[in-house]
C-alpha cells in the first residue's frame, strides 16, 4: 500500500521463513537507544519495550552488519499495530559541524576521499533505517525520527523517496527544555500530527557552548563539537515521559481500505535500482542463505 521496496519484501520473507511467525508484542522499540532513557521510562510504566543499541552488542546490534540489520528488521516486525518507535540515527556526520570538514559545502552526499569510508557507512545506515521505516509504516506504528535542527539527513535520496510515499509531520523543539545540558534545537519527523505536542520553548538560563571554532592556517574555520554537545546527545527521562504521554493520548487510526490493492510479484527479477545496493541488502541475503 505504501510502495515498499520489493527487495525489503524478499528479505522479510526470508527472515520470517527462518524465524517463523514472530509475536507482535512490543509497545516500543528504541533504535539507536544510547542510554536507553526512553526504553527505561516505558519499561517502568509496565510496557514491553526493547532497545537497539550497539553498546549492548557490537555485532548483533550494529545495523551495519548483516546480522544486526536482520535483528533490527525482526524487532520492527515484532511491533504491535499502533505501537511507538523512536529513531535517532547517529547524526555526527550529517550536521553543520561535519560539513566544516568538507570545505563548507552543503552537498554532503559528495564527500572528499579522506572521509569517504566513514560517510559511506553513515549513508548505508540511513538507507537501512529507511527500510525500517517502511516496515513501521506498514505496521501503522507511531514512529518518531529525531535529528538536530542542523542535520541534513532529511535530504538523503532514500528519505526523500520515502517522504513522497507517506504522510509525515515535522515539529521543532529544544532538548534543553527537557533537561538536556545544552539547548540542542531539534527536529522531529513523525507519522502522526500529534508530534507537535513535543514542541517546547527554551528556558532562559546560561547554556554551555555547543561548538568550538578555530581558524586554520589556510583561512578555513574548523568547527568541532564541545563536551557539552556530546553530553546532550542522550535523551532525558523527561523526554522519555513525553513520548509515553503523547502515545497514550493518540487515538487509533481507522483501518485502511485495501480493496483493489494489487500485490506485487515479490520474487520477480529486480532491476539495478531496486536492489538497494547502498543499503547492502545483498549481504543480508547471503548471511541468511548461510544459516
C-alpha atoms as a PDB file:
ATOM      1  CA  UNK A   1       0.000   0.000   0.000  1.00  0.00           C
ATOM      2  CA  UNK A   2       2.898   2.345   0.685  1.00  0.00           C
ATOM      3  CA  UNK A   3       5.020   1.014  -2.139  1.00  0.00           C
ATOM      4  CA  UNK A   4       7.623  -0.733  -0.003  1.00  0.00           C
ATOM      5  CA  UNK A   5      10.667  -1.903  -1.993  1.00  0.00           C
ATOM      6  CA  UNK A   6      10.397  -5.482  -3.224  1.00  0.00           C
ATOM      7  CA  UNK A   7      13.922  -6.191  -2.003  1.00  0.00           C
ATOM      8  CA  UNK A   8      12.629  -5.494   1.513  1.00  0.00           C
ATOM      9  CA  UNK A   9       9.678  -7.830   0.974  1.00  0.00           C
ATOM     10  CA  UNK A  10      12.078 -10.567  -0.099  1.00  0.00           C
ATOM     11  CA  UNK A  11      14.233 -10.017   2.953  1.00  0.00           C
ATOM     12  CA  UNK A  12      11.222 -10.099   5.298  1.00  0.00           C
ATOM     13  CA  UNK A  13      10.032 -13.363   3.730  1.00  0.00           C
ATOM     14  CA  UNK A  14      13.454 -14.954   4.211  1.00  0.00           C
ATOM     15  CA  UNK A  15      13.695 -13.778   7.834  1.00  0.00           C
ATOM     16  CA  UNK A  16      10.154 -14.990   8.577  1.00  0.00           C
ATOM     17  CA  UNK A  17      10.870 -18.372   7.000  1.00  0.00           C
ATOM     18  CA  UNK A  18      13.923 -18.723   9.231  1.00  0.00           C
ATOM     19  CA  UNK A  19      12.409 -17.437  12.482  1.00  0.00           C
ATOM     20  CA  UNK A  20       8.797 -18.435  11.943  1.00  0.00           C
ATOM     21  CA  UNK A  21       5.911 -16.115  12.715  1.00  0.00           C
ATOM     22  CA  UNK A  22       7.144 -13.711  15.370  1.00  0.00           C
ATOM     23  CA  UNK A  23       4.947 -12.450  18.212  1.00  0.00           C
ATOM     24  CA  UNK A  24       3.782  -8.874  17.796  1.00  0.00           C
ATOM     25  CA  UNK A  25       4.347  -7.961  21.425  1.00  0.00           C
ATOM     26  CA  UNK A  26       6.422  -4.763  21.538  1.00  0.00           C
ATOM     27  CA  UNK A  27       4.821  -1.490  22.591  1.00  0.00           C
ATOM     28  CA  UNK A  28       8.070   0.403  21.989  1.00  0.00           C
ATOM     29  CA  UNK A  29      11.261  -0.058  20.050  1.00  0.00           C
ATOM     30  CA  UNK A  30      14.024   2.496  20.552  1.00  0.00           C
ATOM     31  CA  UNK A  31      16.529   2.384  17.703  1.00  0.00           C
ATOM     32  CA  UNK A  32      19.983   3.824  18.483  1.00  0.00           C
ATOM     33  CA  UNK A  33      18.880   3.932  22.099  1.00  0.00           C
ATOM     34  CA  UNK A  34      22.052   5.334  23.692  1.00  0.00           C
ATOM     35  CA  UNK A  35      21.490   5.431  27.456  1.00  0.00           C
ATOM     36  CA  UNK A  36      18.009   3.951  26.860  1.00  0.00           C
ATOM     37  CA  UNK A  37      16.135   6.669  28.726  1.00  0.00           C
ATOM     38  CA  UNK A  38      13.003   6.197  26.615  1.00  0.00           C
ATOM     39  CA  UNK A  39      13.113   2.410  26.981  1.00  0.00           C
ATOM     40  CA  UNK A  40      13.537   2.770  30.738  1.00  0.00           C
ATOM     41  CA  UNK A  41      10.503   5.023  31.126  1.00  0.00           C
ATOM     42  CA  UNK A  42       8.270   2.687  29.139  1.00  0.00           C
ATOM     43  CA  UNK A  43       9.526  -0.421  30.937  1.00  0.00           C
ATOM     44  CA  UNK A  44       8.934   1.109  34.369  1.00  0.00           C
ATOM     45  CA  UNK A  45       5.419   2.027  33.241  1.00  0.00           C
ATOM     46  CA  UNK A  46       4.729  -1.655  32.555  1.00  0.00           C
ATOM     47  CA  UNK A  47       5.042  -1.707  28.766  1.00  0.00           C
ATOM     48  CA  UNK A  48       7.081  -4.148  26.723  1.00  0.00           C
ATOM     49  CA  UNK A  49       9.958  -2.113  25.312  1.00  0.00           C
ATOM     50  CA  UNK A  50      13.169  -3.083  23.524  1.00  0.00           C
ATOM     51  CA  UNK A  51      16.297  -1.059  22.688  1.00  0.00           C
ATOM     52  CA  UNK A  52      18.515  -1.466  19.647  1.00  0.00           C
ATOM     53  CA  UNK A  53      21.917  -0.120  20.650  1.00  0.00           C
ATOM     54  CA  UNK A  54      25.432  -1.067  19.528  1.00  0.00           C
ATOM     55  CA  UNK A  55      26.783  -0.570  23.058  1.00  0.00           C
ATOM     56  CA  UNK A  56      24.705  -3.568  24.148  1.00  0.00           C
ATOM     57  CA  UNK A  57      26.168  -5.847  21.463  1.00  0.00           C
ATOM     58  CA  UNK A  58      28.769  -4.690  18.964  1.00  0.00           C
ATOM     59  CA  UNK A  59      27.792  -7.396  16.474  1.00  0.00           C
ATOM     60  CA  UNK A  60      24.106  -8.150  16.766  1.00  0.00           C
ATOM     61  CA  UNK A  61      23.107  -4.547  17.384  1.00  0.00           C
ATOM     62  CA  UNK A  62      25.334  -2.945  14.770  1.00  0.00           C
ATOM     63  CA  UNK A  63      22.990  -2.105  11.922  1.00  0.00           C
ATOM     64  CA  UNK A  64      25.933  -2.097   9.513  1.00  0.00           C
ATOM     65  CA  UNK A  65      26.420  -5.858   9.973  1.00  0.00           C
ATOM     66  CA  UNK A  66      24.118  -8.327   8.178  1.00  0.00           C
ATOM     67  CA  UNK A  67      23.059  -9.944  11.456  1.00  0.00           C
ATOM     68  CA  UNK A  68      22.489  -6.554  13.050  1.00  0.00           C
ATOM     69  CA  UNK A  69      20.244  -5.356  10.253  1.00  0.00           C
ATOM     70  CA  UNK A  70      18.310  -8.633  10.320  1.00  0.00           C
ATOM     71  CA  UNK A  71      17.779  -8.204  14.068  1.00  0.00           C
ATOM     72  CA  UNK A  72      16.572  -4.621  13.538  1.00  0.00           C
ATOM     73  CA  UNK A  73      14.054  -5.917  10.997  1.00  0.00           C
ATOM     74  CA  UNK A  74      12.913  -8.616  13.437  1.00  0.00           C
ATOM     75  CA  UNK A  75      12.370  -6.002  16.131  1.00  0.00           C
ATOM     76  CA  UNK A  76      10.336  -3.859  13.734  1.00  0.00           C
ATOM     77  CA  UNK A  77       8.237  -6.887  12.781  1.00  0.00           C
ATOM     78  CA  UNK A  78       7.543  -7.552  16.465  1.00  0.00           C
ATOM     79  CA  UNK A  79       5.949  -4.129  16.927  1.00  0.00           C
ATOM     80  CA  UNK A  80       2.268  -4.147  17.801  1.00  0.00           C
ATOM     81  CA  UNK A  81      -0.015  -2.283  15.460  1.00  0.00           C
ATOM     82  CA  UNK A  82      -0.152   1.350  16.597  1.00  0.00           C
ATOM     83  CA  UNK A  83       2.991   0.865  18.752  1.00  0.00           C
ATOM     84  CA  UNK A  84       5.626   3.596  19.186  1.00  0.00           C
ATOM     85  CA  UNK A  85       9.094   3.617  17.634  1.00  0.00           C
ATOM     86  CA  UNK A  86      11.805   6.141  18.468  1.00  0.00           C
ATOM     87  CA  UNK A  87      14.580   6.522  15.920  1.00  0.00           C
ATOM     88  CA  UNK A  88      17.729   8.623  16.129  1.00  0.00           C
ATOM     89  CA  UNK A  89      20.385   7.623  13.622  1.00  0.00           C
ATOM     90  CA  UNK A  90      23.912   8.643  14.600  1.00  0.00           C
ATOM     91  CA  UNK A  91      23.913  12.263  13.481  1.00  0.00           C
ATOM     92  CA  UNK A  92      27.549  13.350  13.790  1.00  0.00           C
ATOM     93  CA  UNK A  93      28.185  13.102  10.053  1.00  0.00           C
ATOM     94  CA  UNK A  94      25.083  14.988   9.000  1.00  0.00           C
ATOM     95  CA  UNK A  95      25.210  18.240  10.973  1.00  0.00           C
ATOM     96  CA  UNK A  96      26.960  21.530  10.285  1.00  0.00           C
ATOM     97  CA  UNK A  97      29.959  20.536  12.397  1.00  0.00           C
ATOM     98  CA  UNK A  98      30.807  17.765   9.951  1.00  0.00           C
ATOM     99  CA  UNK A  99      30.128  19.922   6.930  1.00  0.00           C
ATOM    100  CA  UNK A 100      33.014  22.173   8.014  1.00  0.00           C
ATOM    101  CA  UNK A 101      35.376  19.342   7.102  1.00  0.00           C
ATOM    102  CA  UNK A 102      34.053  19.390   3.541  1.00  0.00           C
ATOM    103  CA  UNK A 103      35.159  22.957   2.829  1.00  0.00           C
ATOM    104  CA  UNK A 104      31.801  24.343   3.868  1.00  0.00           C
ATOM    105  CA  UNK A 105      29.812  22.530   1.213  1.00  0.00           C
ATOM    106  CA  UNK A 106      26.190  21.715   1.939  1.00  0.00           C
ATOM    107  CA  UNK A 107      26.236  18.789  -0.502  1.00  0.00           C
ATOM    108  CA  UNK A 108      27.128  16.091   1.959  1.00  0.00           C
ATOM    109  CA  UNK A 109      26.486  13.201  -0.440  1.00  0.00           C
ATOM    110  CA  UNK A 110      29.568  14.076  -2.477  1.00  0.00           C
ATOM    111  CA  UNK A 111      32.371  13.916   0.047  1.00  0.00           C
ATOM    112  CA  UNK A 112      36.137  14.067  -0.008  1.00  0.00           C
ATOM    113  CA  UNK A 113      38.094  10.848  -0.402  1.00  0.00           C
ATOM    114  CA  UNK A 114      39.524  11.122   3.138  1.00  0.00           C
ATOM    115  CA  UNK A 115      36.017  10.930   4.616  1.00  0.00           C
ATOM    116  CA  UNK A 116      34.575   8.550   2.035  1.00  0.00           C
ATOM    117  CA  UNK A 117      34.682   5.394   4.162  1.00  0.00           C
ATOM    118  CA  UNK A 118      33.001   6.867   7.237  1.00  0.00           C
ATOM    119  CA  UNK A 119      30.469   8.833   5.218  1.00  0.00           C
ATOM    120  CA  UNK A 120      29.664   5.740   3.180  1.00  0.00           C
ATOM    121  CA  UNK A 121      28.869   3.916   6.418  1.00  0.00           C
ATOM    122  CA  UNK A 122      26.543   6.708   7.515  1.00  0.00           C
ATOM    123  CA  UNK A 123      24.749   6.688   4.168  1.00  0.00           C
ATOM    124  CA  UNK A 124      24.377   2.911   4.406  1.00  0.00           C
ATOM    125  CA  UNK A 125      22.965   3.369   7.892  1.00  0.00           C
ATOM    126  CA  UNK A 126      20.344   5.842   6.714  1.00  0.00           C
ATOM    127  CA  UNK A 127      19.381   3.687   3.730  1.00  0.00           C
ATOM    128  CA  UNK A 128      18.831   0.748   6.094  1.00  0.00           C
ATOM    129  CA  UNK A 129      16.831   2.863   8.536  1.00  0.00           C
ATOM    130  CA  UNK A 130      14.634   3.999   5.653  1.00  0.00           C
ATOM    131  CA  UNK A 131      13.817   0.346   5.011  1.00  0.00           C
ATOM    132  CA  UNK A 132      12.949   0.004   8.710  1.00  0.00           C
ATOM    133  CA  UNK A 133      10.591   2.979   8.315  1.00  0.00           C
ATOM    134  CA  UNK A 134       8.733   1.140   5.547  1.00  0.00           C
ATOM    135  CA  UNK A 135       8.111  -1.744   7.966  1.00  0.00           C
ATOM    136  CA  UNK A 136       6.978   0.578  10.760  1.00  0.00           C
ATOM    137  CA  UNK A 137       4.640   2.379   8.379  1.00  0.00           C
ATOM    138  CA  UNK A 138       3.143  -0.925   7.245  1.00  0.00           C
ATOM    139  CA  UNK A 139       2.548  -1.788  10.917  1.00  0.00           C
ATOM    140  CA  UNK A 140       0.830   1.607  11.304  1.00  0.00           C
ATOM    141  CA  UNK A 141       3.214   2.441  14.123  1.00  0.00           C
ATOM    142  CA  UNK A 142       3.623   5.890  15.586  1.00  0.00           C
ATOM    143  CA  UNK A 143       7.250   6.404  14.606  1.00  0.00           C
ATOM    144  CA  UNK A 144       9.257   9.478  15.559  1.00  0.00           C
ATOM    145  CA  UNK A 145      12.645  10.256  13.991  1.00  0.00           C
ATOM    146  CA  UNK A 146      14.846  12.750  15.856  1.00  0.00           C
ATOM    147  CA  UNK A 147      17.728  14.793  14.489  1.00  0.00           C
ATOM    148  CA  UNK A 148      19.472  18.050  15.455  1.00  0.00           C
ATOM    149  CA  UNK A 149      17.972  21.019  13.613  1.00  0.00           C
ATOM    150  CA  UNK A 150      21.151  21.444  11.548  1.00  0.00           C
ATOM    151  CA  UNK A 151      21.030  17.860  10.290  1.00  0.00           C
ATOM    152  CA  UNK A 152      20.750  17.284   6.550  1.00  0.00           C
ATOM    153  CA  UNK A 153      19.673  13.666   6.914  1.00  0.00           C
ATOM    154  CA  UNK A 154      16.209  14.506   5.581  1.00  0.00           C
ATOM    155  CA  UNK A 155      17.827  15.378   2.229  1.00  0.00           C
ATOM    156  CA  UNK A 156      19.129  11.852   1.744  1.00  0.00           C
ATOM    157  CA  UNK A 157      17.636  10.495  -1.525  1.00  0.00           C
ATOM    158  CA  UNK A 158      16.188   7.427   0.202  1.00  0.00           C
ATOM    159  CA  UNK A 159      14.495   9.601   2.805  1.00  0.00           C
ATOM    160  CA  UNK A 160      13.139  11.919   0.138  1.00  0.00           C
ATOM    161  CA  UNK A 161      11.653   8.992  -1.793  1.00  0.00           C
ATOM    162  CA  UNK A 162      10.042   7.667   1.403  1.00  0.00           C
ATOM    163  CA  UNK A 163       8.520  11.047   2.280  1.00  0.00           C
ATOM    164  CA  UNK A 164       6.864  11.195  -1.151  1.00  0.00           C
ATOM    165  CA  UNK A 165       5.033   7.925  -0.447  1.00  0.00           C
ATOM    166  CA  UNK A 166       3.753   8.521   3.092  1.00  0.00           C
ATOM    167  CA  UNK A 167       2.244  11.337   5.111  1.00  0.00           C
ATOM    168  CA  UNK A 168       4.713  12.726   7.635  1.00  0.00           C
ATOM    169  CA  UNK A 169       4.703  15.605  10.103  1.00  0.00           C
ATOM    170  CA  UNK A 170       7.589  17.731  11.341  1.00  0.00           C
ATOM    171  CA  UNK A 171       7.993  19.556  14.647  1.00  0.00           C
ATOM    172  CA  UNK A 172      10.668  21.729  16.223  1.00  0.00           C
ATOM    173  CA  UNK A 173      11.689  21.670  19.865  1.00  0.00           C
ATOM    174  CA  UNK A 174      14.629  22.112  22.218  1.00  0.00           C
ATOM    175  CA  UNK A 175      16.093  19.184  24.116  1.00  0.00           C
ATOM    176  CA  UNK A 176      17.204  21.769  26.671  1.00  0.00           C
ATOM    177  CA  UNK A 177      13.525  22.169  27.507  1.00  0.00           C
ATOM    178  CA  UNK A 178      13.532  18.519  28.577  1.00  0.00           C
ATOM    179  CA  UNK A 179      16.503  18.897  30.892  1.00  0.00           C
ATOM    180  CA  UNK A 180      19.444  18.440  28.490  1.00  0.00           C
ATOM    181  CA  UNK A 181      22.655  20.311  29.309  1.00  0.00           C
ATOM    182  CA  UNK A 182      22.547  22.359  26.081  1.00  0.00           C
ATOM    183  CA  UNK A 183      19.659  23.889  24.113  1.00  0.00           C
ATOM    184  CA  UNK A 184      20.073  21.356  21.266  1.00  0.00           C
ATOM    185  CA  UNK A 185      17.459  22.644  18.792  1.00  0.00           C
ATOM    186  CA  UNK A 186      15.851  19.535  17.377  1.00  0.00           C
ATOM    187  CA  UNK A 187      13.587  18.452  14.540  1.00  0.00           C
ATOM    188  CA  UNK A 188      11.217  15.533  14.976  1.00  0.00           C
ATOM    189  CA  UNK A 189       9.692  13.904  11.907  1.00  0.00           C
ATOM    190  CA  UNK A 190       6.833  11.547  12.713  1.00  0.00           C
ATOM    191  CA  UNK A 191       3.949   9.572  11.272  1.00  0.00           C
ATOM    192  CA  UNK A 192       1.335  11.368  13.390  1.00  0.00           C
ATOM    193  CA  UNK A 193       0.267  15.002  13.566  1.00  0.00           C
ATOM    194  CA  UNK A 194       0.418  14.923  17.365  1.00  0.00           C
ATOM    195  CA  UNK A 195       4.208  15.251  17.142  1.00  0.00           C
ATOM    196  CA  UNK A 196       3.515  18.974  17.724  1.00  0.00           C
ATOM    197  CA  UNK A 197       2.989  18.081  21.394  1.00  0.00           C
ATOM    198  CA  UNK A 198       6.765  17.729  21.732  1.00  0.00           C
ATOM    199  CA  UNK A 199       7.259  21.425  20.920  1.00  0.00           C
ATOM    200  CA  UNK A 200       8.585  23.395  23.883  1.00  0.00           C
ATOM    201  CA  UNK A 201      10.163  26.793  24.349  1.00  0.00           C
ATOM    202  CA  UNK A 202      13.685  27.075  25.674  1.00  0.00           C
ATOM    203  CA  UNK A 203      14.052  28.124  29.333  1.00  0.00           C
ATOM    204  CA  UNK A 204      16.047  31.293  29.939  1.00  0.00           C
ATOM    205  CA  UNK A 205      19.331  30.334  31.597  1.00  0.00           C
ATOM    206  CA  UNK A 206      23.058  30.138  30.934  1.00  0.00           C
ATOM    207  CA  UNK A 207      23.768  27.335  28.483  1.00  0.00           C
ATOM    208  CA  UNK A 208      27.026  25.578  27.617  1.00  0.00           C
ATOM    209  CA  UNK A 209      28.633  26.223  24.240  1.00  0.00           C
ATOM    210  CA  UNK A 210      27.754  23.622  21.632  1.00  0.00           C
ATOM    211  CA  UNK A 211      30.799  24.103  19.416  1.00  0.00           C
ATOM    212  CA  UNK A 212      34.314  25.476  19.402  1.00  0.00           C
ATOM    213  CA  UNK A 213      35.715  27.296  16.365  1.00  0.00           C
ATOM    214  CA  UNK A 214      39.316  27.529  15.220  1.00  0.00           C
ATOM    215  CA  UNK A 215      40.729  29.345  12.197  1.00  0.00           C
ATOM    216  CA  UNK A 216      43.040  27.093  10.193  1.00  0.00           C
ATOM    217  CA  UNK A 217      46.278  28.313   8.531  1.00  0.00           C
ATOM    218  CA  UNK A 218      44.561  28.311   5.129  1.00  0.00           C
ATOM    219  CA  UNK A 219      41.810  30.581   6.447  1.00  0.00           C
ATOM    220  CA  UNK A 220      39.124  27.939   6.799  1.00  0.00           C
ATOM    221  CA  UNK A 221      37.204  27.740  10.065  1.00  0.00           C
ATOM    222  CA  UNK A 222      37.256  24.386  11.827  1.00  0.00           C
ATOM    223  CA  UNK A 223      34.141  23.686  13.897  1.00  0.00           C
ATOM    224  CA  UNK A 224      34.115  20.889  16.460  1.00  0.00           C
ATOM    225  CA  UNK A 225      31.560  19.787  18.991  1.00  0.00           C
ATOM    226  CA  UNK A 226      32.218  20.676  22.605  1.00  0.00           C
ATOM    227  CA  UNK A 227      31.978  18.318  25.567  1.00  0.00           C
ATOM    228  CA  UNK A 228      28.620  19.906  26.348  1.00  0.00           C
ATOM    229  CA  UNK A 229      27.332  18.847  22.928  1.00  0.00           C
ATOM    230  CA  UNK A 230      28.378  15.257  23.472  1.00  0.00           C
ATOM    231  CA  UNK A 231      26.676  15.266  26.863  1.00  0.00           C
ATOM    232  CA  UNK A 232      23.403  16.484  25.374  1.00  0.00           C
ATOM    233  CA  UNK A 233      23.131  13.632  22.868  1.00  0.00           C
ATOM    234  CA  UNK A 234      21.421  11.317  25.355  1.00  0.00           C
ATOM    235  CA  UNK A 235      17.691  11.668  25.949  1.00  0.00           C
ATOM    236  CA  UNK A 236      16.469  12.691  29.366  1.00  0.00           C
ATOM    237  CA  UNK A 237      13.813  10.973  31.445  1.00  0.00           C
ATOM    238  CA  UNK A 238      11.547  13.959  30.840  1.00  0.00           C
ATOM    239  CA  UNK A 239      11.704  13.356  27.099  1.00  0.00           C
ATOM    240  CA  UNK A 240      11.005   9.674  27.636  1.00  0.00           C
ATOM    241  CA  UNK A 241       7.913  10.571  29.652  1.00  0.00           C
ATOM    242  CA  UNK A 242       6.811  12.886  26.838  1.00  0.00           C
ATOM    243  CA  UNK A 243       6.965  10.042  24.301  1.00  0.00           C
ATOM    244  CA  UNK A 244       4.776   7.852  26.512  1.00  0.00           C
ATOM    245  CA  UNK A 245       2.259  10.625  27.250  1.00  0.00           C
ATOM    246  CA  UNK A 246       1.954  11.564  23.578  1.00  0.00           C
ATOM    247  CA  UNK A 247       1.442   7.949  22.552  1.00  0.00           C
ATOM    248  CA  UNK A 248      -1.198   7.357  25.231  1.00  0.00           C
ATOM    249  CA  UNK A 249      -3.160  10.396  24.024  1.00  0.00           C
ATOM    250  CA  UNK A 250      -3.166   9.114  20.463  1.00  0.00           C
ATOM    251  CA  UNK A 251      -6.334   7.527  19.075  1.00  0.00           C
ATOM    252  CA  UNK A 252      -6.180   4.523  16.772  1.00  0.00           C
ATOM    253  CA  UNK A 253      -6.126   5.116  13.043  1.00  0.00           C
ATOM    254  CA  UNK A 254      -9.064   3.768  11.044  1.00  0.00           C
ATOM    255  CA  UNK A 255      -8.412   0.519   9.233  1.00  0.00           C
ATOM    256  CA  UNK A 256      -7.185   1.201   5.690  1.00  0.00           C
ATOM    257  CA  UNK A 257      -9.296   0.130   2.726  1.00  0.00           C
ATOM    258  CA  UNK A 258      -7.273  -2.485   0.884  1.00  0.00           C
ATOM    259  CA  UNK A 259      -9.912  -3.147  -1.748  1.00  0.00           C
ATOM    260  CA  UNK A 260      -8.330  -3.293  -5.166  1.00  0.00           C
ATOM    261  CA  UNK A 261      -4.769  -3.264  -3.846  1.00  0.00           C
ATOM    262  CA  UNK A 262      -2.534  -5.195  -6.212  1.00  0.00           C
ATOM    263  CA  UNK A 263       0.079  -7.351  -4.515  1.00  0.00           C
ATOM    264  CA  UNK A 264       3.375  -7.142  -6.406  1.00  0.00           C
ATOM    265  CA  UNK A 265       5.236 -10.179  -7.619  1.00  0.00           C
ATOM    266  CA  UNK A 266       7.764 -10.336  -4.802  1.00  0.00           C
ATOM    267  CA  UNK A 267      10.189 -12.735  -6.456  1.00  0.00           C
ATOM    268  CA  UNK A 268      10.198 -11.236  -9.936  1.00  0.00           C
ATOM    269  CA  UNK A 269      13.706 -10.206 -11.090  1.00  0.00           C
ATOM    270  CA  UNK A 270      14.895  -6.929  -9.617  1.00  0.00           C
ATOM    271  CA  UNK A 271      16.293  -4.066 -11.620  1.00  0.00           C
ATOM    272  CA  UNK A 272      19.568  -2.493 -10.520  1.00  0.00           C
ATOM    273  CA  UNK A 273      17.718   0.418  -8.904  1.00  0.00           C
ATOM    274  CA  UNK A 274      15.513  -1.993  -6.941  1.00  0.00           C
ATOM    275  CA  UNK A 275      18.450  -3.756  -5.305  1.00  0.00           C
ATOM    276  CA  UNK A 276      19.197  -1.008  -2.787  1.00  0.00           C
ATOM    277  CA  UNK A 277      22.914  -1.572  -3.127  1.00  0.00           C
ATOM    278  CA  UNK A 278      23.623   1.435  -0.872  1.00  0.00           C
ATOM    279  CA  UNK A 279      21.955  -0.494   1.977  1.00  0.00           C
ATOM    280  CA  UNK A 280      23.991  -3.622   1.164  1.00  0.00           C
ATOM    281  CA  UNK A 281      20.885  -5.787   1.339  1.00  0.00           C
ATOM    282  CA  UNK A 282      22.691  -8.451  -0.700  1.00  0.00           C
ATOM    283  CA  UNK A 283      24.988  -9.057   2.297  1.00  0.00           C
ATOM    284  CA  UNK A 284      21.940  -9.830   4.443  1.00  0.00           C
ATOM    285  CA  UNK A 285      20.643 -12.228   1.782  1.00  0.00           C
ATOM    286  CA  UNK A 286      23.989 -14.016   1.722  1.00  0.00           C
ATOM    287  CA  UNK A 287      24.063 -14.138   5.513  1.00  0.00           C
ATOM    288  CA  UNK A 288      20.587 -15.706   5.701  1.00  0.00           C
ATOM    289  CA  UNK A 289      21.365 -18.225   2.968  1.00  0.00           C
ATOM    290  CA  UNK A 290      24.320 -19.468   5.008  1.00  0.00           C
ATOM    291  CA  UNK A 291      22.338 -20.135   8.173  1.00  0.00           C
END
